PDB file of N, CA and C in Angstrom:
ATOM      1  N   UNK A   1      -3.011-166.851 -82.413  1.00  0.00           N
ATOM      2  CA  UNK A   1      -2.826-165.468 -82.026  1.00  0.00           C
ATOM      3  C   UNK A   1      -3.635-165.180 -80.766  1.00  0.00           C
ATOM      4  N   UNK A   2      -3.007-164.531 -79.828  1.00  0.00           N
ATOM      5  CA  UNK A   2      -3.682-164.204 -78.574  1.00  0.00           C
ATOM      6  C   UNK A   2      -4.417-162.877 -78.697  1.00  0.00           C
ATOM      7  N   UNK A   3      -5.590-162.832 -78.096  1.00  0.00           N
ATOM      8  CA  UNK A   3      -6.339-161.564 -78.043  1.00  0.00           C
ATOM      9  C   UNK A   3      -5.680-160.636 -77.040  1.00  0.00           C
ATOM     10  N   UNK A   4      -5.735-159.350 -77.343  1.00  0.00           N
ATOM     11  CA  UNK A   4      -5.236-158.360 -76.385  1.00  0.00           C
ATOM     12  C   UNK A   4      -6.134-158.363 -75.161  1.00  0.00           C
ATOM     13  N   UNK A   5      -5.568-158.231 -73.973  1.00  0.00           N
ATOM     14  CA  UNK A   5      -6.415-158.125 -72.773  1.00  0.00           C
ATOM     15  C   UNK A   5      -7.242-156.850 -72.840  1.00  0.00           C
ATOM     16  N   UNK A   6      -8.473-156.943 -72.422  1.00  0.00           N
ATOM     17  CA  UNK A   6      -9.367-155.784 -72.402  1.00  0.00           C
ATOM     18  C   UNK A   6      -9.072-154.938 -71.176  1.00  0.00           C
ATOM     19  N   UNK A   7      -9.092-153.608 -71.334  1.00  0.00           N
ATOM     20  CA  UNK A   7      -8.859-152.759 -70.161  1.00  0.00           C
ATOM     21  C   UNK A   7      -9.947-152.969 -69.120  1.00  0.00           C
ATOM     22  N   UNK A   8      -9.548-152.960 -67.882  1.00  0.00           N
ATOM     23  CA  UNK A   8     -10.496-153.109 -66.783  1.00  0.00           C
ATOM     24  C   UNK A   8     -11.081-151.751 -66.417  1.00  0.00           C
ATOM     25  N   UNK A   9     -12.295-151.755 -65.936  1.00  0.00           N
ATOM     26  CA  UNK A   9     -12.921-150.513 -65.485  1.00  0.00           C
ATOM     27  C   UNK A   9     -12.160-149.955 -64.299  1.00  0.00           C
ATOM     28  N   UNK A  10     -12.027-148.647 -64.270  1.00  0.00           N
ATOM     29  CA  UNK A  10     -11.370-148.004 -63.132  1.00  0.00           C
ATOM     30  C   UNK A  10     -12.388-147.903 -62.010  1.00  0.00           C
ATOM     31  N   UNK A  11     -12.132-148.599 -60.934  1.00  0.00           N
ATOM     32  CA  UNK A  11     -13.048-148.594 -59.801  1.00  0.00           C
ATOM     33  C   UNK A  11     -12.365-147.995 -58.591  1.00  0.00           C
ATOM     34  N   UNK A  12     -13.149-147.313 -57.795  1.00  0.00           N
ATOM     35  CA  UNK A  12     -12.632-146.761 -56.548  1.00  0.00           C
ATOM     36  C   UNK A  12     -13.731-146.834 -55.500  1.00  0.00           C
ATOM     37  N   UNK A  13     -13.309-146.994 -54.257  1.00  0.00           N
ATOM     38  CA  UNK A  13     -14.262-147.091 -53.148  1.00  0.00           C
ATOM     39  C   UNK A  13     -14.422-145.725 -52.493  1.00  0.00           C
ATOM     40  N   UNK A  14     -15.668-145.401 -52.154  1.00  0.00           N
ATOM     41  CA  UNK A  14     -15.978-144.115 -51.523  1.00  0.00           C
ATOM     42  C   UNK A  14     -16.939-144.341 -50.363  1.00  0.00           C
ATOM     43  N   UNK A  15     -16.657-143.751 -49.229  1.00  0.00           N
ATOM     44  CA  UNK A  15     -17.565-143.794 -48.081  1.00  0.00           C
ATOM     45  C   UNK A  15     -18.504-142.601 -48.224  1.00  0.00           C
ATOM     46  N   UNK A  16     -19.798-142.885 -48.305  1.00  0.00           N
ATOM     47  CA  UNK A  16     -20.753-141.804 -48.541  1.00  0.00           C
ATOM     48  C   UNK A  16     -21.254-141.199 -47.227  1.00  0.00           C
ATOM     49  N   UNK A  17     -21.619-139.932 -47.320  1.00  0.00           N
ATOM     50  CA  UNK A  17     -22.146-139.192 -46.169  1.00  0.00           C
ATOM     51  C   UNK A  17     -23.602-138.848 -46.443  1.00  0.00           C
ATOM     52  N   UNK A  18     -24.405-138.886 -45.407  1.00  0.00           N
ATOM     53  CA  UNK A  18     -25.805-138.488 -45.522  1.00  0.00           C
ATOM     54  C   UNK A  18     -26.733-139.643 -45.869  1.00  0.00           C
ATOM     55  N   UNK A  19     -28.020-139.408 -45.673  1.00  0.00           N
ATOM     56  CA  UNK A  19     -29.054-140.417 -45.933  1.00  0.00           C
ATOM     57  C   UNK A  19     -29.981-140.021 -47.076  1.00  0.00           C
ATOM     58  N   UNK A  20     -29.514-139.191 -48.003  1.00  0.00           N
ATOM     59  CA  UNK A  20     -30.364-138.717 -49.096  1.00  0.00           C
ATOM     60  C   UNK A  20     -30.868-139.853 -49.978  1.00  0.00           C
ATOM     61  N   UNK A  21     -30.139-140.964 -50.029  1.00  0.00           N
ATOM     62  CA  UNK A  21     -30.529-142.082 -50.894  1.00  0.00           C
ATOM     63  C   UNK A  21     -30.975-143.300 -50.089  1.00  0.00           C
ATOM     64  N   UNK A  22     -31.505-143.086 -48.894  1.00  0.00           N
ATOM     65  CA  UNK A  22     -31.898-144.218 -48.043  1.00  0.00           C
ATOM     66  C   UNK A  22     -32.995-145.061 -48.680  1.00  0.00           C
ATOM     67  N   UNK A  23     -33.863-144.467 -49.486  1.00  0.00           N
ATOM     68  CA  UNK A  23     -34.916-145.255 -50.153  1.00  0.00           C
ATOM     69  C   UNK A  23     -34.327-146.212 -51.190  1.00  0.00           C
ATOM     70  N   UNK A  24     -33.114-145.921 -51.640  1.00  0.00           N
ATOM     71  CA  UNK A  24     -32.411-146.814 -52.565  1.00  0.00           C
ATOM     72  C   UNK A  24     -31.545-147.820 -51.804  1.00  0.00           C
ATOM     73  N   UNK A  25     -31.551-147.735 -50.463  1.00  0.00           N
ATOM     74  CA  UNK A  25     -30.786-148.663 -49.644  1.00  0.00           C
ATOM     75  C   UNK A  25     -29.369-148.216 -49.345  1.00  0.00           C
ATOM     76  N   UNK A  26     -29.069-146.927 -49.567  1.00  0.00           N
ATOM     77  CA  UNK A  26     -27.744-146.383 -49.267  1.00  0.00           C
ATOM     78  C   UNK A  26     -27.838-145.491 -48.048  1.00  0.00           C
ATOM     79  N   UNK A  27     -26.952-145.727 -47.075  1.00  0.00           N
ATOM     80  CA  UNK A  27     -27.010-145.001 -45.813  1.00  0.00           C
ATOM     81  C   UNK A  27     -25.678-144.352 -45.488  1.00  0.00           C
ATOM     82  N   UNK A  28     -25.730-143.373 -44.600  1.00  0.00           N
ATOM     83  CA  UNK A  28     -24.533-142.679 -44.137  1.00  0.00           C
ATOM     84  C   UNK A  28     -23.502-143.693 -43.663  1.00  0.00           C
ATOM     85  N   UNK A  29     -22.267-143.571 -44.167  1.00  0.00           N
ATOM     86  CA  UNK A  29     -21.199-144.472 -43.766  1.00  0.00           C
ATOM     87  C   UNK A  29     -21.013-145.682 -44.657  1.00  0.00           C
ATOM     88  N   UNK A  30     -21.957-145.962 -45.566  1.00  0.00           N
ATOM     89  CA  UNK A  30     -21.793-147.087 -46.486  1.00  0.00           C
ATOM     90  C   UNK A  30     -20.598-146.827 -47.395  1.00  0.00           C
ATOM     91  N   UNK A  31     -19.939-147.895 -47.794  1.00  0.00           N
ATOM     92  CA  UNK A  31     -18.840-147.780 -48.744  1.00  0.00           C
ATOM     93  C   UNK A  31     -19.321-148.317 -50.085  1.00  0.00           C
ATOM     94  N   UNK A  32     -19.156-147.490 -51.128  1.00  0.00           N
ATOM     95  CA  UNK A  32     -19.659-147.831 -52.456  1.00  0.00           C
ATOM     96  C   UNK A  32     -18.491-147.905 -53.427  1.00  0.00           C
ATOM     97  N   UNK A  33     -18.464-148.970 -54.220  1.00  0.00           N
ATOM     98  CA  UNK A  33     -17.478-149.104 -55.280  1.00  0.00           C
ATOM     99  C   UNK A  33     -18.059-148.447 -56.523  1.00  0.00           C
ATOM    100  N   UNK A  34     -17.337-147.482 -57.090  1.00  0.00           N
ATOM    101  CA  UNK A  34     -17.832-146.722 -58.235  1.00  0.00           C
ATOM    102  C   UNK A  34     -16.946-146.950 -59.448  1.00  0.00           C
ATOM    103  N   UNK A  35     -17.574-147.069 -60.609  1.00  0.00           N
ATOM    104  CA  UNK A  35     -16.888-147.234 -61.884  1.00  0.00           C
ATOM    105  C   UNK A  35     -16.744-145.853 -62.524  1.00  0.00           C
ATOM    106  N   UNK A  36     -15.525-145.331 -62.568  1.00  0.00           N
ATOM    107  CA  UNK A  36     -15.326-143.974 -63.070  1.00  0.00           C
ATOM    108  C   UNK A  36     -15.283-143.904 -64.595  1.00  0.00           C
ATOM    109  N   UNK A  37     -15.211-145.042 -65.283  1.00  0.00           N
ATOM    110  CA  UNK A  37     -15.234-145.035 -66.748  1.00  0.00           C
ATOM    111  C   UNK A  37     -16.642-145.111 -67.313  1.00  0.00           C
ATOM    112  N   UNK A  38     -17.603-145.533 -66.517  1.00  0.00           N
ATOM    113  CA  UNK A  38     -18.987-145.675 -67.004  1.00  0.00           C
ATOM    114  C   UNK A  38     -19.609-144.298 -67.215  1.00  0.00           C
ATOM    115  N   UNK A  39     -20.394-144.167 -68.269  1.00  0.00           N
ATOM    116  CA  UNK A  39     -21.127-142.922 -68.521  1.00  0.00           C
ATOM    117  C   UNK A  39     -22.465-142.989 -67.792  1.00  0.00           C
ATOM    118  N   UNK A  40     -22.711-142.054 -66.887  1.00  0.00           N
ATOM    119  CA  UNK A  40     -23.977-142.081 -66.152  1.00  0.00           C
ATOM    120  C   UNK A  40     -25.170-141.925 -67.096  1.00  0.00           C
ATOM    121  N   UNK A  41     -26.207-142.702 -66.827  1.00  0.00           N
ATOM    122  CA  UNK A  41     -27.441-142.582 -67.612  1.00  0.00           C
ATOM    123  C   UNK A  41     -28.627-142.534 -66.657  1.00  0.00           C
ATOM    124  N   UNK A  42     -29.750-142.138 -67.180  1.00  0.00           N
ATOM    125  CA  UNK A  42     -30.957-141.985 -66.364  1.00  0.00           C
ATOM    126  C   UNK A  42     -31.220-143.249 -65.548  1.00  0.00           C
ATOM    127  N   UNK A  43     -31.458-143.054 -64.257  1.00  0.00           N
ATOM    128  CA  UNK A  43     -31.750-144.161 -63.355  1.00  0.00           C
ATOM    129  C   UNK A  43     -30.554-144.662 -62.577  1.00  0.00           C
ATOM    130  N   UNK A  44     -29.339-144.371 -63.054  1.00  0.00           N
ATOM    131  CA  UNK A  44     -28.139-144.806 -62.341  1.00  0.00           C
ATOM    132  C   UNK A  44     -27.996-144.077 -61.008  1.00  0.00           C
ATOM    133  N   UNK A  45     -27.330-144.721 -60.075  1.00  0.00           N
ATOM    134  CA  UNK A  45     -26.901-144.064 -58.847  1.00  0.00           C
ATOM    135  C   UNK A  45     -25.433-143.715 -59.048  1.00  0.00           C
ATOM    136  N   UNK A  46     -25.088-142.458 -58.819  1.00  0.00           N
ATOM    137  CA  UNK A  46     -23.708-142.005 -58.968  1.00  0.00           C
ATOM    138  C   UNK A  46     -23.173-141.514 -57.636  1.00  0.00           C
ATOM    139  N   UNK A  47     -21.865-141.525 -57.525  1.00  0.00           N
ATOM    140  CA  UNK A  47     -21.186-140.983 -56.358  1.00  0.00           C
ATOM    141  C   UNK A  47     -20.636-139.623 -56.766  1.00  0.00           C
ATOM    142  N   UNK A  48     -20.947-138.593 -55.979  1.00  0.00           N
ATOM    143  CA  UNK A  48     -20.518-137.229 -56.305  1.00  0.00           C
ATOM    144  C   UNK A  48     -19.711-136.638 -55.151  1.00  0.00           C
ATOM    145  N   UNK A  49     -18.754-135.794 -55.521  1.00  0.00           N
ATOM    146  CA  UNK A  49     -17.998-135.028 -54.526  1.00  0.00           C
ATOM    147  C   UNK A  49     -18.460-133.585 -54.628  1.00  0.00           C
ATOM    148  N   UNK A  50     -18.943-133.048 -53.504  1.00  0.00           N
ATOM    149  CA  UNK A  50     -19.388-131.664 -53.456  1.00  0.00           C
ATOM    150  C   UNK A  50     -18.182-130.742 -53.302  1.00  0.00           C
ATOM    151  N   UNK A  51     -18.371-129.468 -53.553  1.00  0.00           N
ATOM    152  CA  UNK A  51     -17.283-128.488 -53.451  1.00  0.00           C
ATOM    153  C   UNK A  51     -16.635-128.504 -52.068  1.00  0.00           C
ATOM    154  N   UNK A  52     -17.406-128.806 -51.042  1.00  0.00           N
ATOM    155  CA  UNK A  52     -16.881-128.830 -49.671  1.00  0.00           C
ATOM    156  C   UNK A  52     -16.088-130.102 -49.367  1.00  0.00           C
ATOM    157  N   UNK A  53     -16.058-131.054 -50.323  1.00  0.00           N
ATOM    158  CA  UNK A  53     -15.321-132.296 -50.135  1.00  0.00           C
ATOM    159  C   UNK A  53     -16.182-133.474 -49.703  1.00  0.00           C
ATOM    160  N   UNK A  54     -17.418-133.218 -49.315  1.00  0.00           N
ATOM    161  CA  UNK A  54     -18.333-134.279 -48.883  1.00  0.00           C
ATOM    162  C   UNK A  54     -18.668-135.185 -50.075  1.00  0.00           C
ATOM    163  N   UNK A  55     -18.721-136.493 -49.837  1.00  0.00           N
ATOM    164  CA  UNK A  55     -19.049-137.470 -50.874  1.00  0.00           C
ATOM    165  C   UNK A  55     -20.439-138.015 -50.596  1.00  0.00           C
ATOM    166  N   UNK A  56     -21.309-137.936 -51.595  1.00  0.00           N
ATOM    167  CA  UNK A  56     -22.695-138.372 -51.452  1.00  0.00           C
ATOM    168  C   UNK A  56     -23.122-139.194 -52.665  1.00  0.00           C
ATOM    169  N   UNK A  57     -24.232-139.895 -52.526  1.00  0.00           N
ATOM    170  CA  UNK A  57     -24.828-140.649 -53.627  1.00  0.00           C
ATOM    171  C   UNK A  57     -26.055-139.898 -54.127  1.00  0.00           C
ATOM    172  N   UNK A  58     -26.290-139.960 -55.428  1.00  0.00           N
ATOM    173  CA  UNK A  58     -27.452-139.318 -56.037  1.00  0.00           C
ATOM    174  C   UNK A  58     -27.956-140.159 -57.201  1.00  0.00           C
ATOM    175  N   UNK A  59     -29.230-140.014 -57.542  1.00  0.00           N
ATOM    176  CA  UNK A  59     -29.845-140.665 -58.693  1.00  0.00           C
ATOM    177  C   UNK A  59     -29.733-139.721 -59.891  1.00  0.00           C
ATOM    178  N   UNK A  60     -29.506-140.276 -61.078  1.00  0.00           N
ATOM    179  CA  UNK A  60     -29.380-139.487 -62.308  1.00  0.00           C
ATOM    180  C   UNK A  60     -30.717-139.432 -63.040  1.00  0.00           C
ATOM    181  N   UNK A  61     -31.049-138.244 -63.502  1.00  0.00           N
ATOM    182  CA  UNK A  61     -32.167-138.054 -64.432  1.00  0.00           C
ATOM    183  C   UNK A  61     -31.572-137.340 -65.635  1.00  0.00           C
ATOM    184  N   UNK A  62     -31.995-137.707 -66.827  1.00  0.00           N
ATOM    185  CA  UNK A  62     -31.412-137.124 -68.027  1.00  0.00           C
ATOM    186  C   UNK A  62     -30.168-137.902 -68.405  1.00  0.00           C
ATOM    187  N   UNK A  63     -29.542-137.482 -69.495  1.00  0.00           N
ATOM    188  CA  UNK A  63     -28.311-138.148 -69.937  1.00  0.00           C
ATOM    189  C   UNK A  63     -27.530-137.199 -70.825  1.00  0.00           C
ATOM    190  N   UNK A  64     -26.332-137.609 -71.157  1.00  0.00           N
ATOM    191  CA  UNK A  64     -25.495-136.778 -72.021  1.00  0.00           C
ATOM    192  C   UNK A  64     -24.978-135.565 -71.292  1.00  0.00           C
ATOM    193  N   UNK A  65     -25.039-134.416 -71.937  1.00  0.00           N
ATOM    194  CA  UNK A  65     -24.451-133.202 -71.410  1.00  0.00           C
ATOM    195  C   UNK A  65     -25.160-132.587 -70.224  1.00  0.00           C
ATOM    196  N   UNK A  66     -26.457-132.800 -70.074  1.00  0.00           N
ATOM    197  CA  UNK A  66     -27.205-132.133 -69.002  1.00  0.00           C
ATOM    198  C   UNK A  66     -27.757-133.157 -68.019  1.00  0.00           C
ATOM    199  N   UNK A  67     -26.969-133.469 -67.003  1.00  0.00           N
ATOM    200  CA  UNK A  67     -27.419-134.405 -65.987  1.00  0.00           C
ATOM    201  C   UNK A  67     -28.133-133.653 -64.878  1.00  0.00           C
ATOM    202  N   UNK A  68     -29.238-134.197 -64.430  1.00  0.00           N
ATOM    203  CA  UNK A  68     -29.899-133.697 -63.228  1.00  0.00           C
ATOM    204  C   UNK A  68     -29.696-134.758 -62.163  1.00  0.00           C
ATOM    205  N   UNK A  69     -29.300-134.335 -60.985  1.00  0.00           N
ATOM    206  CA  UNK A  69     -29.083-135.278 -59.894  1.00  0.00           C
ATOM    207  C   UNK A  69     -30.079-135.007 -58.791  1.00  0.00           C
ATOM    208  N   UNK A  70     -30.524-136.070 -58.155  1.00  0.00           N
ATOM    209  CA  UNK A  70     -31.476-135.906 -57.070  1.00  0.00           C
ATOM    210  C   UNK A  70     -31.540-137.135 -56.195  1.00  0.00           C
ATOM    211  N   UNK A  71     -32.568-137.162 -55.372  1.00  0.00           N
ATOM    212  CA  UNK A  71     -32.757-138.247 -54.413  1.00  0.00           C
ATOM    213  C   UNK A  71     -34.001-139.050 -54.771  1.00  0.00           C
ATOM    214  N   UNK A  72     -34.140-140.195 -54.130  1.00  0.00           N
ATOM    215  CA  UNK A  72     -35.346-141.003 -54.267  1.00  0.00           C
ATOM    216  C   UNK A  72     -36.295-140.584 -53.156  1.00  0.00           C
ATOM    217  N   UNK A  73     -37.146-139.620 -53.449  1.00  0.00           N
ATOM    218  CA  UNK A  73     -38.088-139.114 -52.456  1.00  0.00           C
ATOM    219  C   UNK A  73     -39.312-139.994 -52.338  1.00  0.00           C
ATOM    220  N   UNK A  74     -40.230-139.669 -51.431  1.00  0.00           N
ATOM    221  CA  UNK A  74     -41.427-140.480 -51.217  1.00  0.00           C
ATOM    222  C   UNK A  74     -42.331-140.547 -52.442  1.00  0.00           C
ATOM    223  N   UNK A  75     -42.241-139.558 -53.316  1.00  0.00           N
ATOM    224  CA  UNK A  75     -43.074-139.538 -54.530  1.00  0.00           C
ATOM    225  C   UNK A  75     -42.248-139.791 -55.782  1.00  0.00           C
ATOM    226  N   UNK A  76     -41.054-140.347 -55.642  1.00  0.00           N
ATOM    227  CA  UNK A  76     -40.188-140.599 -56.787  1.00  0.00           C
ATOM    228  C   UNK A  76     -38.996-139.665 -56.790  1.00  0.00           C
ATOM    229  N   UNK A  77     -38.443-139.466 -57.957  1.00  0.00           N
ATOM    230  CA  UNK A  77     -37.240-138.643 -58.107  1.00  0.00           C
ATOM    231  C   UNK A  77     -37.498-137.206 -57.683  1.00  0.00           C
ATOM    232  N   UNK A  78     -36.587-136.660 -56.869  1.00  0.00           N
ATOM    233  CA  UNK A  78     -36.654-135.260 -56.445  1.00  0.00           C
ATOM    234  C   UNK A  78     -35.312-134.613 -56.757  1.00  0.00           C
ATOM    235  N   UNK A  79     -35.289-133.739 -57.775  1.00  0.00           N
ATOM    236  CA  UNK A  79     -34.042-133.065 -58.150  1.00  0.00           C
ATOM    237  C   UNK A  79     -33.593-132.167 -57.011  1.00  0.00           C
ATOM    238  N   UNK A  80     -32.296-132.224 -56.690  1.00  0.00           N
ATOM    239  CA  UNK A  80     -31.785-131.363 -55.627  1.00  0.00           C
ATOM    240  C   UNK A  80     -30.402-130.807 -55.926  1.00  0.00           C
ATOM    241  N   UNK A  81     -29.851-131.135 -57.098  1.00  0.00           N
ATOM    242  CA  UNK A  81     -28.534-130.618 -57.456  1.00  0.00           C
ATOM    243  C   UNK A  81     -28.574-130.101 -58.890  1.00  0.00           C
ATOM    244  N   UNK A  82     -28.433-128.799 -59.061  1.00  0.00           N
ATOM    245  CA  UNK A  82     -28.476-128.184 -60.379  1.00  0.00           C
ATOM    246  C   UNK A  82     -27.250-128.583 -61.195  1.00  0.00           C
ATOM    247  N   UNK A  83     -27.426-128.666 -62.516  1.00  0.00           N
ATOM    248  CA  UNK A  83     -26.328-129.052 -63.398  1.00  0.00           C
ATOM    249  C   UNK A  83     -25.154-128.089 -63.324  1.00  0.00           C
ATOM    250  N   UNK A  84     -25.419-126.831 -62.986  1.00  0.00           N
ATOM    251  CA  UNK A  84     -24.335-125.854 -62.937  1.00  0.00           C
ATOM    252  C   UNK A  84     -23.750-125.685 -61.529  1.00  0.00           C
ATOM    253  N   UNK A  85     -24.200-126.497 -60.580  1.00  0.00           N
ATOM    254  CA  UNK A  85     -23.659-126.433 -59.215  1.00  0.00           C
ATOM    255  C   UNK A  85     -22.241-126.995 -59.207  1.00  0.00           C
ATOM    256  N   UNK A  86     -21.532-126.770 -58.114  1.00  0.00           N
ATOM    257  CA  UNK A  86     -20.130-127.188 -58.009  1.00  0.00           C
ATOM    258  C   UNK A  86     -20.038-128.590 -57.399  1.00  0.00           C
ATOM    259  N   UNK A  87     -20.169-129.620 -58.246  1.00  0.00           N
ATOM    260  CA  UNK A  87     -20.014-131.005 -57.835  1.00  0.00           C
ATOM    261  C   UNK A  87     -19.358-131.778 -58.964  1.00  0.00           C
ATOM    262  N   UNK A  88     -18.778-132.924 -58.619  1.00  0.00           N
ATOM    263  CA  UNK A  88     -18.090-133.761 -59.597  1.00  0.00           C
ATOM    264  C   UNK A  88     -18.578-135.185 -59.450  1.00  0.00           C
ATOM    265  N   UNK A  89     -18.958-135.804 -60.554  1.00  0.00           N
ATOM    266  CA  UNK A  89     -19.331-137.220 -60.530  1.00  0.00           C
ATOM    267  C   UNK A  89     -18.045-138.036 -60.471  1.00  0.00           C
ATOM    268  N   UNK A  90     -17.920-138.859 -59.427  1.00  0.00           N
ATOM    269  CA  UNK A  90     -16.750-139.707 -59.247  1.00  0.00           C
ATOM    270  C   UNK A  90     -16.905-141.045 -59.954  1.00  0.00           C
ATOM    271  N   UNK A  91     -18.140-141.468 -60.178  1.00  0.00           N
ATOM    272  CA  UNK A  91     -18.384-142.729 -60.867  1.00  0.00           C
ATOM    273  C   UNK A  91     -19.789-143.236 -60.645  1.00  0.00           C
ATOM    274  N   UNK A  92     -20.139-144.253 -61.411  1.00  0.00           N
ATOM    275  CA  UNK A  92     -21.439-144.916 -61.294  1.00  0.00           C
ATOM    276  C   UNK A  92     -21.322-146.005 -60.242  1.00  0.00           C
ATOM    277  N   UNK A  93     -22.223-146.010 -59.280  1.00  0.00           N
ATOM    278  CA  UNK A  93     -22.194-146.991 -58.192  1.00  0.00           C
ATOM    279  C   UNK A  93     -22.394-148.401 -58.742  1.00  0.00           C
ATOM    280  N   UNK A  94     -21.527-149.320 -58.308  1.00  0.00           N
ATOM    281  CA  UNK A  94     -21.598-150.711 -58.769  1.00  0.00           C
ATOM    282  C   UNK A  94     -21.766-151.719 -57.632  1.00  0.00           C
ATOM    283  N   UNK A  95     -21.139-151.468 -56.499  1.00  0.00           N
ATOM    284  CA  UNK A  95     -21.190-152.391 -55.360  1.00  0.00           C
ATOM    285  C   UNK A  95     -21.300-151.598 -54.069  1.00  0.00           C
ATOM    286  N   UNK A  96     -21.869-152.249 -53.064  1.00  0.00           N
ATOM    287  CA  UNK A  96     -22.071-151.607 -51.766  1.00  0.00           C
ATOM    288  C   UNK A  96     -21.563-152.519 -50.661  1.00  0.00           C
ATOM    289  N   UNK A  97     -20.867-151.939 -49.688  1.00  0.00           N
ATOM    290  CA  UNK A  97     -20.517-152.679 -48.481  1.00  0.00           C
ATOM    291  C   UNK A  97     -20.950-151.848 -47.284  1.00  0.00           C
ATOM    292  N   UNK A  98     -21.308-152.544 -46.229  1.00  0.00           N
ATOM    293  CA  UNK A  98     -21.808-151.870 -45.022  1.00  0.00           C
ATOM    294  C   UNK A  98     -21.293-152.597 -43.805  1.00  0.00           C
ATOM    295  N   UNK A  99     -20.839-151.852 -42.813  1.00  0.00           N
ATOM    296  CA  UNK A  99     -20.452-152.446 -41.545  1.00  0.00           C
ATOM    297  C   UNK A  99     -21.705-152.862 -40.783  1.00  0.00           C
ATOM    298  N   UNK A 100     -21.643-154.026 -40.171  1.00  0.00           N
ATOM    299  CA  UNK A 100     -22.787-154.492 -39.375  1.00  0.00           C
ATOM    300  C   UNK A 100     -22.569-154.196 -37.919  1.00  0.00           C
TER     301      UNK A 100
END
C-alpha cells in the first residue's frame, strides 16, 4: 500500500521594503520565501503586508492570538506594530535571496 503524499507548505516570495530588520540580516530589496501555512511563534521572522501595501519583515514576540511584532533593535526586541494595527502576516520567513 502506498502512503498518501503529504501536502507541501504553501510558499511565496516577497520583496521586502525598509531596513527595520537589518540586524537580522534582512535589507531593503531582499527577496524572502515565506511559508504561509506555518504558525508564527516567538522569535520567528515574519513577512507582513501593511495597509498601504508595503511588505516588510518583523520579529514575533508572543504567540497564539496576541502577536506583537517588532524589530531587532540595538538593545534587543523593540515592539513597533500593535496587534490591532492594520497589517497581515503573509508567512514565516524561510529563505532569503539577495542581488549582488
